N, C-alpha and C. Protein backbone atom coordinates (compact mmCIF):
# COMPACT_ATOMS: atom_id res chain seq x y z
N MET A 1 -23.82 -15.43 -31.09
CA MET A 1 -24.69 -14.60 -30.65
C MET A 1 -24.82 -14.70 -29.10
N THR A 2 -24.73 -13.59 -28.90
CA THR A 2 -23.81 -13.50 -27.08
C THR A 2 -25.66 -13.26 -26.23
N ALA A 3 -26.50 -12.95 -26.61
CA ALA A 3 -27.52 -12.77 -25.65
C ALA A 3 -28.85 -14.24 -26.00
N SER A 4 -28.86 -14.56 -24.88
CA SER A 4 -29.91 -15.87 -25.09
C SER A 4 -31.39 -15.47 -24.70
N PHE A 5 -31.98 -16.44 -25.38
CA PHE A 5 -33.49 -16.54 -25.68
C PHE A 5 -34.20 -17.40 -25.04
N THR A 6 -35.35 -17.37 -24.99
CA THR A 6 -36.23 -18.85 -24.47
C THR A 6 -37.18 -18.86 -25.31
N LEU A 7 -37.67 -19.97 -25.40
CA LEU A 7 -38.69 -20.64 -26.22
C LEU A 7 -39.74 -20.53 -25.01
N PRO A 8 -41.03 -20.67 -25.31
CA PRO A 8 -41.72 -21.28 -24.55
C PRO A 8 -42.01 -22.56 -24.23
N LEU A 9 -41.89 -23.07 -22.86
CA LEU A 9 -42.08 -24.03 -22.61
C LEU A 9 -42.97 -25.09 -23.35
N TYR A 10 -44.24 -24.57 -23.83
CA TYR A 10 -45.19 -25.61 -24.63
C TYR A 10 -44.45 -26.15 -25.89
N ILE A 11 -43.82 -25.68 -26.36
CA ILE A 11 -43.03 -25.62 -27.28
C ILE A 11 -42.17 -27.19 -27.60
N ASP A 12 -41.56 -27.33 -26.19
CA ASP A 12 -40.63 -28.32 -26.09
C ASP A 12 -41.57 -29.14 -25.27
N LEU A 13 -42.56 -29.03 -24.30
CA LEU A 13 -43.10 -30.02 -23.78
C LEU A 13 -43.99 -30.89 -24.56
N SER A 14 -44.60 -29.83 -26.34
CA SER A 14 -45.49 -30.44 -27.58
C SER A 14 -44.52 -31.59 -28.14
N ALA A 15 -42.98 -31.59 -28.63
CA ALA A 15 -42.22 -31.99 -28.87
C ALA A 15 -41.94 -33.52 -28.22
N THR A 16 -42.30 -33.14 -26.78
CA THR A 16 -41.91 -34.38 -25.76
C THR A 16 -43.41 -34.82 -26.06
N PHE A 17 -44.02 -34.76 -26.18
CA PHE A 17 -45.33 -35.83 -25.97
C PHE A 17 -45.70 -36.00 -27.26
N LEU A 18 -45.70 -35.33 -28.46
CA LEU A 18 -45.71 -35.99 -29.43
C LEU A 18 -44.66 -37.17 -30.21
N TYR A 19 -43.41 -37.01 -29.44
CA TYR A 19 -42.81 -38.19 -30.00
C TYR A 19 -42.82 -39.38 -28.83
N ALA A 20 -43.48 -38.89 -27.43
CA ALA A 20 -43.99 -39.84 -26.98
C ALA A 20 -44.91 -40.67 -27.38
N MET A 21 -45.42 -39.97 -27.78
CA MET A 21 -47.23 -40.89 -28.66
C MET A 21 -46.14 -41.58 -30.19
N THR A 22 -44.86 -41.56 -30.46
CA THR A 22 -44.86 -42.40 -32.14
C THR A 22 -44.70 -43.71 -30.96
N GLY A 23 -43.63 -43.37 -29.95
CA GLY A 23 -43.01 -44.57 -29.30
C GLY A 23 -43.93 -45.91 -28.65
N ALA A 24 -45.17 -44.49 -28.22
CA ALA A 24 -46.38 -45.82 -27.41
C ALA A 24 -47.12 -46.46 -28.12
N LEU A 25 -47.11 -45.45 -29.85
CA LEU A 25 -47.81 -46.37 -30.60
C LEU A 25 -46.98 -47.56 -31.10
N LEU A 26 -45.59 -47.49 -31.34
CA LEU A 26 -44.89 -48.53 -31.81
C LEU A 26 -45.03 -49.85 -31.10
N ALA A 27 -45.00 -49.19 -29.61
CA ALA A 27 -44.93 -50.58 -28.66
C ALA A 27 -46.21 -51.06 -28.82
N ILE A 28 -47.22 -50.69 -29.12
CA ILE A 28 -48.92 -51.20 -29.55
C ILE A 28 -49.08 -52.19 -30.47
N ARG A 29 -48.12 -51.53 -31.00
CA ARG A 29 -48.38 -51.98 -32.53
C ARG A 29 -47.28 -53.15 -32.07
N ARG A 30 -46.27 -52.97 -31.99
CA ARG A 30 -45.69 -54.73 -31.76
C ARG A 30 -46.08 -55.46 -30.10
N HIS A 31 -47.32 -54.96 -29.88
CA HIS A 31 -47.77 -56.01 -28.51
C HIS A 31 -46.55 -55.80 -27.45
N TYR A 32 -46.43 -55.20 -27.22
CA TYR A 32 -45.70 -54.64 -25.88
C TYR A 32 -46.62 -54.74 -24.73
N ASP A 33 -45.99 -54.97 -23.58
CA ASP A 33 -46.66 -54.66 -22.43
C ASP A 33 -46.36 -53.28 -21.54
N TRP A 34 -47.19 -52.91 -20.60
CA TRP A 34 -46.84 -52.02 -20.43
C TRP A 34 -45.32 -51.10 -19.95
N VAL A 35 -44.65 -52.15 -19.23
CA VAL A 35 -43.40 -51.24 -19.15
C VAL A 35 -42.55 -51.29 -21.19
N GLY A 36 -42.47 -52.43 -21.73
CA GLY A 36 -42.21 -51.58 -23.42
C GLY A 36 -42.65 -50.18 -24.24
N LEU A 37 -43.78 -50.32 -23.43
CA LEU A 37 -44.55 -48.89 -24.29
C LEU A 37 -44.26 -47.73 -22.98
N PHE A 38 -44.12 -47.70 -21.80
CA PHE A 38 -43.38 -46.96 -21.34
C PHE A 38 -41.90 -46.59 -21.68
N VAL A 39 -41.42 -47.02 -21.85
CA VAL A 39 -39.54 -47.24 -22.03
C VAL A 39 -39.88 -46.61 -23.19
N LEU A 40 -40.54 -47.25 -24.38
CA LEU A 40 -40.56 -46.52 -25.69
C LEU A 40 -41.18 -45.20 -26.22
N ALA A 41 -41.61 -44.67 -24.87
CA ALA A 41 -42.68 -43.54 -25.43
C ALA A 41 -41.44 -42.96 -24.79
N LEU A 42 -40.81 -42.45 -23.25
CA LEU A 42 -39.78 -42.19 -22.39
C LEU A 42 -38.48 -41.62 -23.40
N VAL A 43 -38.41 -42.73 -23.95
CA VAL A 43 -37.13 -42.77 -24.68
C VAL A 43 -37.59 -42.05 -26.23
N SER A 44 -38.63 -41.72 -26.91
CA SER A 44 -38.72 -41.28 -28.23
C SER A 44 -39.08 -40.11 -27.56
N GLY A 45 -39.46 -40.02 -26.28
CA GLY A 45 -40.26 -38.25 -26.19
C GLY A 45 -38.65 -37.36 -25.72
N VAL A 46 -37.59 -37.91 -24.88
CA VAL A 46 -36.41 -36.92 -24.00
C VAL A 46 -35.38 -37.75 -25.09
N GLY A 47 -35.73 -38.81 -26.01
CA GLY A 47 -34.44 -39.02 -26.04
C GLY A 47 -33.09 -38.20 -27.34
N GLY A 48 -33.87 -37.28 -27.77
CA GLY A 48 -32.97 -36.25 -27.97
C GLY A 48 -32.27 -35.52 -27.56
N GLY A 49 -33.15 -34.77 -26.82
CA GLY A 49 -33.22 -34.15 -25.74
C GLY A 49 -31.92 -34.43 -24.70
N LEU A 50 -31.81 -35.77 -24.67
CA LEU A 50 -31.27 -36.46 -23.37
C LEU A 50 -29.60 -36.31 -24.45
N ILE A 51 -29.53 -36.80 -25.69
CA ILE A 51 -28.84 -36.45 -26.39
C ILE A 51 -27.78 -34.92 -26.44
N ARG A 52 -28.62 -34.35 -26.85
CA ARG A 52 -28.29 -33.03 -26.84
C ARG A 52 -27.88 -31.79 -25.56
N ASP A 53 -28.00 -32.28 -24.88
CA ASP A 53 -27.99 -31.89 -23.53
C ASP A 53 -26.67 -32.41 -22.54
N GLY A 54 -26.75 -34.00 -22.85
CA GLY A 54 -26.01 -34.99 -22.26
C GLY A 54 -24.35 -34.70 -23.09
N ILE A 55 -24.77 -34.92 -24.87
CA ILE A 55 -23.65 -35.22 -25.01
C ILE A 55 -23.06 -33.80 -25.95
N LEU A 56 -23.67 -33.52 -26.62
CA LEU A 56 -23.42 -31.81 -27.34
C LEU A 56 -23.16 -31.17 -26.31
N ILE A 57 -24.43 -30.23 -25.75
CA ILE A 57 -23.99 -29.25 -24.57
C ILE A 57 -23.27 -29.35 -23.14
N GLN A 58 -23.67 -30.88 -22.75
CA GLN A 58 -22.76 -30.84 -21.57
C GLN A 58 -23.21 -29.51 -20.71
N ASN A 59 -24.25 -28.61 -20.60
CA ASN A 59 -24.43 -27.89 -19.28
C ASN A 59 -25.46 -28.28 -18.30
N GLY A 60 -24.84 -29.09 -17.42
CA GLY A 60 -25.65 -29.35 -16.17
C GLY A 60 -26.12 -30.98 -16.85
N PRO A 61 -26.91 -31.63 -15.65
CA PRO A 61 -28.03 -32.39 -15.97
C PRO A 61 -28.71 -32.21 -17.12
N PRO A 62 -29.22 -33.38 -17.63
CA PRO A 62 -30.11 -32.94 -18.99
C PRO A 62 -31.65 -32.82 -18.39
N LEU A 63 -32.10 -31.52 -19.20
CA LEU A 63 -33.48 -30.80 -18.91
C LEU A 63 -34.18 -31.73 -18.83
N ALA A 64 -34.65 -33.11 -19.38
CA ALA A 64 -35.55 -33.98 -19.18
C ALA A 64 -35.48 -34.38 -18.07
N MET A 65 -34.25 -35.04 -17.10
CA MET A 65 -34.23 -35.25 -15.88
C MET A 65 -34.10 -34.00 -14.95
N SER A 66 -34.24 -33.08 -14.81
CA SER A 66 -34.21 -31.76 -13.75
C SER A 66 -35.35 -31.60 -13.85
N ASP A 67 -36.42 -31.53 -14.88
CA ASP A 67 -37.90 -30.48 -14.94
C ASP A 67 -38.96 -31.78 -14.91
N GLY A 68 -39.69 -31.68 -14.17
CA GLY A 68 -40.46 -33.31 -14.06
C GLY A 68 -41.54 -32.95 -15.08
N ARG A 69 -41.73 -31.71 -15.79
CA ARG A 69 -42.64 -31.24 -16.56
C ARG A 69 -42.66 -32.22 -17.89
N TYR A 70 -41.45 -32.49 -17.76
CA TYR A 70 -41.18 -33.62 -19.23
C TYR A 70 -41.51 -34.46 -18.83
N LEU A 71 -41.63 -35.86 -17.75
CA LEU A 71 -42.19 -36.57 -17.14
C LEU A 71 -43.60 -37.10 -17.17
N LEU A 72 -44.14 -35.78 -16.78
CA LEU A 72 -45.63 -35.73 -17.12
C LEU A 72 -46.62 -36.07 -18.19
N VAL A 73 -45.74 -35.33 -19.42
CA VAL A 73 -46.31 -35.74 -20.31
C VAL A 73 -46.74 -37.10 -20.97
N TYR A 74 -46.48 -37.72 -20.26
CA TYR A 74 -46.81 -39.36 -20.44
C TYR A 74 -48.00 -40.06 -20.02
N LYS A 75 -48.90 -39.68 -19.40
CA LYS A 75 -50.10 -40.08 -18.37
C LYS A 75 -50.80 -40.35 -19.86
N ARG A 76 -48.06 -45.32 -34.07
CA ARG A 76 -47.32 -44.14 -34.89
C ARG A 76 -48.11 -43.28 -35.72
N SER A 77 -48.12 -42.02 -34.96
CA SER A 77 -48.77 -41.35 -36.50
C SER A 77 -47.83 -40.94 -37.13
N LEU A 78 -47.17 -40.53 -38.23
CA LEU A 78 -46.50 -39.89 -38.85
C LEU A 78 -46.66 -38.74 -39.21
N PHE A 79 -47.96 -38.10 -39.13
CA PHE A 79 -48.19 -36.69 -38.99
C PHE A 79 -47.67 -36.02 -37.38
N ALA A 80 -48.08 -37.05 -36.39
CA ALA A 80 -47.65 -36.20 -34.92
C ALA A 80 -46.14 -36.49 -34.91
N ASP A 81 -45.72 -37.38 -35.54
CA ASP A 81 -44.01 -37.23 -36.02
C ASP A 81 -43.13 -36.24 -36.52
N ALA A 82 -44.16 -35.79 -37.99
CA ALA A 82 -43.68 -34.51 -38.68
C ALA A 82 -44.08 -32.93 -37.78
N LEU A 83 -44.71 -33.09 -36.89
CA LEU A 83 -45.14 -31.67 -35.88
C LEU A 83 -43.97 -31.68 -34.97
N GLY A 84 -43.72 -32.85 -34.10
CA GLY A 84 -42.89 -33.23 -33.15
C GLY A 84 -41.56 -33.07 -33.50
N PHE A 85 -41.35 -33.47 -34.63
CA PHE A 85 -39.90 -32.94 -35.46
C PHE A 85 -39.89 -31.33 -35.90
N GLY A 86 -40.57 -30.32 -35.78
CA GLY A 86 -40.29 -29.10 -36.35
C GLY A 86 -40.43 -28.64 -34.91
N CYS A 87 -40.70 -29.15 -34.06
CA CYS A 87 -40.44 -28.42 -32.62
C CYS A 87 -39.24 -28.84 -31.92
N TYR A 88 -38.68 -29.93 -31.83
CA TYR A 88 -37.40 -30.36 -31.55
C TYR A 88 -36.45 -29.54 -32.40
N ALA A 89 -36.43 -29.93 -33.53
CA ALA A 89 -35.93 -28.89 -34.16
C ALA A 89 -35.51 -27.45 -33.77
N VAL A 90 -36.40 -26.60 -33.87
CA VAL A 90 -36.16 -25.38 -32.99
C VAL A 90 -35.85 -25.68 -31.62
N VAL A 91 -36.15 -26.39 -30.96
CA VAL A 91 -35.88 -26.46 -29.84
C VAL A 91 -34.12 -26.68 -29.36
N GLY A 92 -33.80 -27.79 -29.94
CA GLY A 92 -32.66 -27.52 -30.29
C GLY A 92 -31.53 -26.60 -30.79
N VAL A 93 -32.02 -25.72 -31.40
CA VAL A 93 -30.94 -24.44 -32.41
C VAL A 93 -31.42 -23.51 -31.33
N GLU A 94 -32.37 -23.47 -30.44
CA GLU A 94 -32.71 -22.60 -29.15
C GLU A 94 -31.24 -23.07 -28.34
N HIS A 95 -31.26 -24.44 -27.81
CA HIS A 95 -30.15 -25.07 -26.81
C HIS A 95 -29.08 -24.30 -27.25
N GLY A 96 -28.68 -24.89 -28.60
CA GLY A 96 -27.25 -24.85 -29.15
C GLY A 96 -26.68 -23.36 -28.96
N LEU A 97 -27.68 -22.03 -29.32
CA LEU A 97 -27.55 -21.05 -29.34
C LEU A 97 -26.99 -20.23 -27.81
N ASN A 98 -28.27 -20.72 -27.39
CA ASN A 98 -27.70 -20.25 -25.63
C ASN A 98 -27.05 -20.94 -25.33
N ALA A 99 -26.34 -21.64 -25.70
CA ALA A 99 -24.80 -22.41 -25.27
C ALA A 99 -23.92 -22.38 -25.83
N GLN A 100 -23.76 -20.66 -26.57
CA GLN A 100 -23.18 -19.85 -27.49
C GLN A 100 -22.21 -20.96 -28.48
N LEU A 101 -22.91 -22.03 -28.90
CA LEU A 101 -22.25 -23.09 -30.03
C LEU A 101 -22.16 -21.83 -31.47
N PRO A 102 -21.10 -22.30 -32.37
CA PRO A 102 -21.05 -21.61 -33.39
C PRO A 102 -22.69 -21.96 -34.15
N VAL A 103 -22.95 -21.11 -35.20
CA VAL A 103 -24.22 -21.71 -35.95
C VAL A 103 -24.47 -22.71 -36.63
N LEU A 104 -23.68 -22.81 -37.40
CA LEU A 104 -23.85 -24.54 -37.22
C LEU A 104 -23.78 -25.12 -36.47
N ALA A 105 -23.07 -25.41 -35.78
CA ALA A 105 -22.96 -26.70 -34.57
C ALA A 105 -24.61 -26.58 -33.70
N ALA A 106 -25.01 -25.24 -33.82
CA ALA A 106 -26.24 -24.51 -32.99
C ALA A 106 -27.46 -25.80 -34.54
N ILE A 107 -27.52 -25.68 -35.37
CA ILE A 107 -27.79 -26.67 -36.45
C ILE A 107 -28.19 -27.46 -36.25
N MET A 108 -26.98 -28.29 -36.21
CA MET A 108 -26.80 -29.66 -36.07
C MET A 108 -27.43 -30.31 -35.09
N THR A 109 -26.58 -29.33 -34.05
CA THR A 109 -27.92 -29.49 -32.63
C THR A 109 -29.22 -29.69 -32.70
N GLY A 110 -29.80 -28.79 -33.41
CA GLY A 110 -31.33 -28.84 -33.36
C GLY A 110 -31.38 -30.36 -34.36
N VAL A 111 -30.82 -30.47 -35.75
CA VAL A 111 -31.42 -31.49 -36.65
C VAL A 111 -31.19 -33.27 -35.32
N VAL A 112 -29.86 -32.97 -34.96
CA VAL A 112 -29.24 -34.44 -34.12
C VAL A 112 -30.95 -34.80 -33.00
N THR A 113 -31.27 -33.44 -32.12
CA THR A 113 -32.08 -33.23 -31.21
C THR A 113 -33.63 -33.86 -31.62
N ALA A 114 -33.72 -33.32 -33.14
CA ALA A 114 -35.08 -33.74 -33.62
C ALA A 114 -35.20 -35.34 -34.47
N CYS A 115 -33.73 -35.68 -34.50
CA CYS A 115 -33.67 -37.36 -34.90
C CYS A 115 -33.17 -38.03 -33.94
N GLY A 116 -32.91 -37.79 -32.72
CA GLY A 116 -32.35 -38.65 -31.67
C GLY A 116 -33.54 -39.49 -31.09
N GLY A 117 -34.06 -38.80 -30.81
CA GLY A 117 -35.15 -39.42 -29.86
C GLY A 117 -35.81 -40.83 -30.62
N GLY A 118 -35.84 -40.66 -31.85
CA GLY A 118 -36.42 -41.57 -33.42
C GLY A 118 -35.56 -42.54 -33.45
N LEU A 119 -33.85 -42.51 -33.10
CA LEU A 119 -32.50 -43.18 -33.38
C LEU A 119 -33.10 -43.88 -32.69
N LEU A 120 -33.27 -43.40 -31.13
CA LEU A 120 -32.69 -44.79 -29.78
C LEU A 120 -33.76 -45.46 -30.05
N ARG A 121 -35.64 -45.18 -30.29
CA ARG A 121 -36.36 -45.83 -30.39
C ARG A 121 -36.41 -46.78 -31.64
N ASP A 122 -35.71 -46.90 -32.74
CA ASP A 122 -35.34 -47.64 -33.71
C ASP A 122 -34.44 -48.94 -33.10
N VAL A 123 -33.17 -47.91 -32.69
CA VAL A 123 -32.86 -49.46 -32.54
C VAL A 123 -33.17 -50.17 -30.83
N LEU A 124 -33.60 -49.44 -29.98
CA LEU A 124 -34.12 -50.19 -28.88
C LEU A 124 -35.30 -51.31 -29.33
N VAL A 125 -35.71 -51.27 -30.86
CA VAL A 125 -36.69 -52.40 -30.67
C VAL A 125 -36.16 -53.00 -31.73
N ARG A 126 -34.38 -53.17 -32.40
CA ARG A 126 -33.97 -53.86 -33.40
C ARG A 126 -34.45 -53.48 -34.76
N ASP A 127 -34.86 -51.94 -34.97
CA ASP A 127 -35.23 -51.83 -36.24
C ASP A 127 -33.61 -50.78 -36.84
N GLU A 128 -33.56 -51.27 -37.92
CA GLU A 128 -32.80 -50.46 -38.82
C GLU A 128 -33.45 -48.75 -38.76
N PRO A 129 -32.66 -47.85 -38.00
CA PRO A 129 -33.00 -46.25 -38.01
C PRO A 129 -33.39 -45.86 -39.08
N LEU A 130 -34.70 -45.21 -39.19
CA LEU A 130 -35.00 -44.70 -40.45
C LEU A 130 -34.27 -43.66 -40.73
N LEU A 131 -33.56 -42.89 -39.68
CA LEU A 131 -32.46 -41.83 -39.94
C LEU A 131 -31.57 -42.63 -41.47
N PHE A 132 -31.04 -43.79 -41.62
CA PHE A 132 -30.00 -44.29 -42.44
C PHE A 132 -30.54 -44.97 -43.52
N LYS A 133 -31.54 -44.76 -43.48
CA LYS A 133 -32.00 -45.89 -44.49
C LYS A 133 -32.66 -44.93 -45.91
N PRO A 134 -32.35 -45.31 -46.68
CA PRO A 134 -32.89 -44.27 -47.91
C PRO A 134 -34.54 -44.20 -47.71
N GLY A 135 -35.25 -43.33 -47.89
CA GLY A 135 -37.10 -42.51 -47.44
C GLY A 135 -37.29 -41.86 -47.54
N GLN A 136 -38.38 -41.31 -46.70
CA GLN A 136 -38.48 -40.19 -46.66
C GLN A 136 -38.21 -39.06 -46.17
N LEU A 137 -37.34 -37.77 -47.19
CA LEU A 137 -36.95 -36.62 -46.29
C LEU A 137 -37.11 -36.18 -45.31
N TYR A 138 -36.49 -37.77 -44.37
CA TYR A 138 -36.68 -37.17 -42.89
C TYR A 138 -35.77 -35.95 -41.86
N VAL A 139 -34.62 -36.49 -42.03
CA VAL A 139 -33.32 -35.69 -41.94
C VAL A 139 -33.52 -34.05 -42.63
N LEU A 140 -33.45 -34.17 -43.76
CA LEU A 140 -33.85 -32.79 -44.49
C LEU A 140 -34.75 -31.86 -43.90
N ALA A 141 -35.99 -32.39 -43.08
CA ALA A 141 -36.77 -31.71 -42.89
C ALA A 141 -36.34 -31.17 -41.51
N ALA A 142 -35.97 -31.29 -40.85
CA ALA A 142 -35.38 -31.33 -39.48
C ALA A 142 -33.92 -30.23 -39.92
N LEU A 143 -33.76 -30.29 -40.86
CA LEU A 143 -32.33 -29.39 -41.24
C LEU A 143 -33.21 -28.10 -41.83
N ILE A 144 -34.28 -28.06 -42.25
CA ILE A 144 -34.87 -26.81 -43.07
C ILE A 144 -35.47 -26.27 -41.96
N GLY A 145 -36.08 -26.96 -40.71
CA GLY A 145 -36.69 -26.54 -39.94
C GLY A 145 -35.60 -25.32 -38.70
N ALA A 146 -34.84 -26.01 -39.16
CA ALA A 146 -33.33 -25.80 -38.14
C ALA A 146 -33.02 -24.40 -38.58
N SER A 147 -32.47 -24.76 -39.30
CA SER A 147 -31.69 -23.67 -40.58
C SER A 147 -32.27 -22.32 -40.77
N LEU A 148 -33.86 -22.36 -40.83
CA LEU A 148 -34.98 -21.62 -41.15
C LEU A 148 -35.14 -20.66 -39.68
N PHE A 149 -35.18 -21.22 -38.72
CA PHE A 149 -35.21 -20.65 -37.33
C PHE A 149 -33.70 -19.85 -37.23
N THR A 150 -32.84 -20.54 -37.49
CA THR A 150 -31.72 -19.43 -36.98
C THR A 150 -31.50 -18.69 -38.23
N LEU A 151 -31.74 -18.72 -39.09
CA LEU A 151 -32.12 -17.70 -39.81
C LEU A 151 -32.59 -16.69 -39.92
N LEU A 152 -34.18 -16.78 -39.17
CA LEU A 152 -35.06 -16.19 -38.75
C LEU A 152 -34.54 -14.83 -37.51
N ILE A 153 -33.44 -15.79 -36.45
CA ILE A 153 -33.49 -15.34 -35.51
C ILE A 153 -32.12 -14.34 -35.65
N LEU A 154 -31.07 -14.58 -35.92
CA LEU A 154 -29.87 -14.07 -36.33
C LEU A 154 -30.35 -13.01 -37.28
N PHE A 155 -30.77 -12.80 -38.86
CA PHE A 155 -30.72 -12.20 -39.33
C PHE A 155 -31.71 -11.40 -40.00
N PHE A 156 -32.19 -11.82 -39.56
CA PHE A 156 -33.50 -11.25 -39.60
C PHE A 156 -34.50 -10.59 -38.34
N LYS A 157 -33.67 -10.85 -37.06
CA LYS A 157 -34.12 -10.24 -35.99
C LYS A 157 -35.27 -10.56 -35.47
N THR A 158 -35.93 -12.02 -36.05
CA THR A 158 -37.58 -12.17 -35.92
C THR A 158 -37.64 -12.47 -34.53
N SER A 159 -38.78 -12.46 -33.57
CA SER A 159 -39.02 -12.85 -32.39
C SER A 159 -38.76 -13.97 -31.92
N ALA A 160 -38.15 -15.06 -31.24
CA ALA A 160 -37.83 -16.40 -30.58
C ALA A 160 -39.57 -16.85 -31.42
N VAL A 161 -40.49 -16.47 -30.80
CA VAL A 161 -42.38 -17.35 -30.31
C VAL A 161 -41.91 -17.52 -32.56
N VAL A 162 -42.21 -16.21 -32.59
CA VAL A 162 -42.38 -16.03 -34.31
C VAL A 162 -41.89 -16.45 -35.34
N ALA A 163 -39.89 -16.85 -35.09
CA ALA A 163 -39.51 -17.39 -36.04
C ALA A 163 -39.86 -18.96 -35.47
N ALA A 164 -39.92 -19.22 -34.00
CA ALA A 164 -40.16 -20.46 -34.33
C ALA A 164 -41.48 -21.27 -34.81
N LEU A 165 -42.56 -20.83 -34.35
CA LEU A 165 -44.02 -21.31 -35.62
C LEU A 165 -43.90 -20.84 -36.64
N ILE A 166 -42.86 -20.01 -37.35
CA ILE A 166 -42.90 -20.19 -39.23
C ILE A 166 -42.04 -21.20 -39.29
N ALA A 167 -40.52 -22.01 -38.56
CA ALA A 167 -40.13 -22.82 -38.59
C ALA A 167 -40.27 -24.51 -38.66
N ILE A 168 -41.32 -24.48 -37.19
CA ILE A 168 -42.25 -25.37 -37.15
C ILE A 168 -43.14 -25.64 -38.01
N GLY A 169 -43.79 -24.33 -38.82
CA GLY A 169 -45.00 -24.59 -39.64
C GLY A 169 -44.04 -25.21 -41.33
N CYS A 170 -42.73 -24.60 -41.54
CA CYS A 170 -42.36 -24.93 -42.72
C CYS A 170 -41.92 -26.19 -42.54
N CYS A 171 -41.63 -27.05 -41.27
CA CYS A 171 -41.02 -28.35 -41.14
C CYS A 171 -41.59 -29.30 -41.29
N PHE A 172 -42.81 -28.78 -41.01
CA PHE A 172 -44.44 -29.64 -40.39
C PHE A 172 -44.51 -29.91 -42.35
N ALA A 173 -44.78 -28.79 -42.70
CA ALA A 173 -45.51 -28.80 -44.00
C ALA A 173 -44.25 -29.43 -45.01
N PHE A 174 -43.28 -29.37 -44.72
CA PHE A 174 -42.29 -30.26 -45.65
C PHE A 174 -41.91 -31.66 -45.46
N ARG A 175 -42.26 -32.24 -44.51
CA ARG A 175 -42.49 -33.46 -43.63
C ARG A 175 -43.63 -34.15 -44.33
N THR A 176 -44.74 -33.61 -44.01
CA THR A 176 -46.49 -33.79 -44.37
C THR A 176 -46.29 -33.65 -45.87
N LEU A 177 -45.58 -32.63 -46.57
CA LEU A 177 -45.84 -33.53 -48.06
C LEU A 177 -44.86 -34.35 -48.39
N ALA A 178 -43.91 -34.63 -47.84
CA ALA A 178 -43.28 -36.09 -48.44
C ALA A 178 -43.59 -36.78 -47.99
N ILE A 179 -44.73 -37.08 -46.97
CA ILE A 179 -45.40 -38.02 -46.60
C ILE A 179 -46.27 -38.62 -47.85
N ALA A 180 -47.07 -37.35 -47.94
CA ALA A 180 -48.65 -37.91 -48.89
C ALA A 180 -47.84 -38.18 -50.14
N PHE A 181 -46.94 -37.03 -50.77
CA PHE A 181 -46.67 -37.38 -52.18
C PHE A 181 -45.06 -38.65 -52.92
N ASN A 182 -44.90 -38.72 -51.44
CA ASN A 182 -43.82 -39.99 -51.42
C ASN A 182 -42.24 -39.73 -51.78
N TRP A 183 -41.96 -38.34 -51.22
CA TRP A 183 -40.70 -37.76 -51.81
C TRP A 183 -40.05 -38.53 -51.08
N LYS A 184 -38.97 -39.25 -51.58
CA LYS A 184 -37.76 -40.05 -51.27
C LYS A 184 -36.72 -39.89 -51.65
N THR A 185 -35.73 -40.16 -50.32
CA THR A 185 -34.23 -39.91 -51.27
C THR A 185 -33.73 -41.39 -51.37
N VAL A 186 -33.13 -41.77 -52.27
CA VAL A 186 -32.34 -42.75 -52.94
C VAL A 186 -31.24 -43.51 -52.26
N SER A 187 -31.13 -44.61 -52.77
CA SER A 187 -29.27 -45.28 -52.15
C SER A 187 -29.10 -45.09 -52.72
N LEU A 188 -27.58 -45.00 -52.60
CA LEU A 188 -26.52 -44.56 -53.07
C LEU A 188 -25.79 -45.72 -54.22
N SER A 189 -25.90 -47.20 -53.72
CA SER A 189 -25.71 -47.84 -54.69
C SER A 189 -26.66 -48.89 -54.85
N PRO A 190 -27.18 -49.55 -55.61
CA PRO A 190 -28.22 -50.56 -55.74
C PRO A 190 -28.29 -51.58 -54.96
N PRO A 191 -29.16 -52.32 -54.42
CA PRO A 191 -29.46 -53.23 -53.45
C PRO A 191 -28.69 -54.49 -54.39
N PRO A 192 -28.49 -55.28 -53.60
CA PRO A 192 -27.80 -56.38 -54.09
C PRO A 192 -28.93 -57.17 -54.74
N SER A 193 -29.06 -57.91 -55.88
CA SER A 193 -29.96 -58.77 -56.76
C SER A 193 -30.07 -59.62 -55.45
N THR A 194 -31.72 -60.40 -55.94
CA THR A 194 -32.02 -61.26 -54.99
C THR A 194 -32.76 -62.83 -56.15
N GLN A 195 -31.47 -63.35 -56.74
CA GLN A 195 -31.77 -64.35 -57.66
C GLN A 195 -32.31 -65.11 -56.74
N ALA A 196 -32.79 -66.04 -57.05
CA ALA A 196 -32.95 -67.74 -56.49
C ALA A 196 -32.50 -68.50 -57.87
């Protein structure tokens, strides 16, 4: 892909806000103070973008640190997380394609952007990252959203906004169905027995 494109900023800011909410709600459930709430909201909201911009793409300072609007969105619902997930998946792909990454690398950038904030949030509160555990199809939802967005943009020449909205909707629907019907992955090996 040689021509760059730009998604509306509200998609990225919405993802930032929704993920920040998940961090803030976790802080409230754990009875953290205002500092803990702010840090978890910040890391959850911009963590995936920081990984994307600072590690994967490395094209100047991370967007969340150079554009003050990302920090203004701070002034755990699973469904808010599901919506933010789709938004971040397509924004990550957008940044990857605009940085001229190969298609598969751009899709993986979308997945990392979607999962990165939650991964950092879990590490900060010393939880085993949801990303690593058998459970509801978390990474698969991001992969579906990122792949569908890429397919619509590159092969069907759909406009970026329409492709983003379709991919976000499909990612959200898949994640919501996984939550509602408890679709889960399984462990590669059985857990050790707990005989007393």
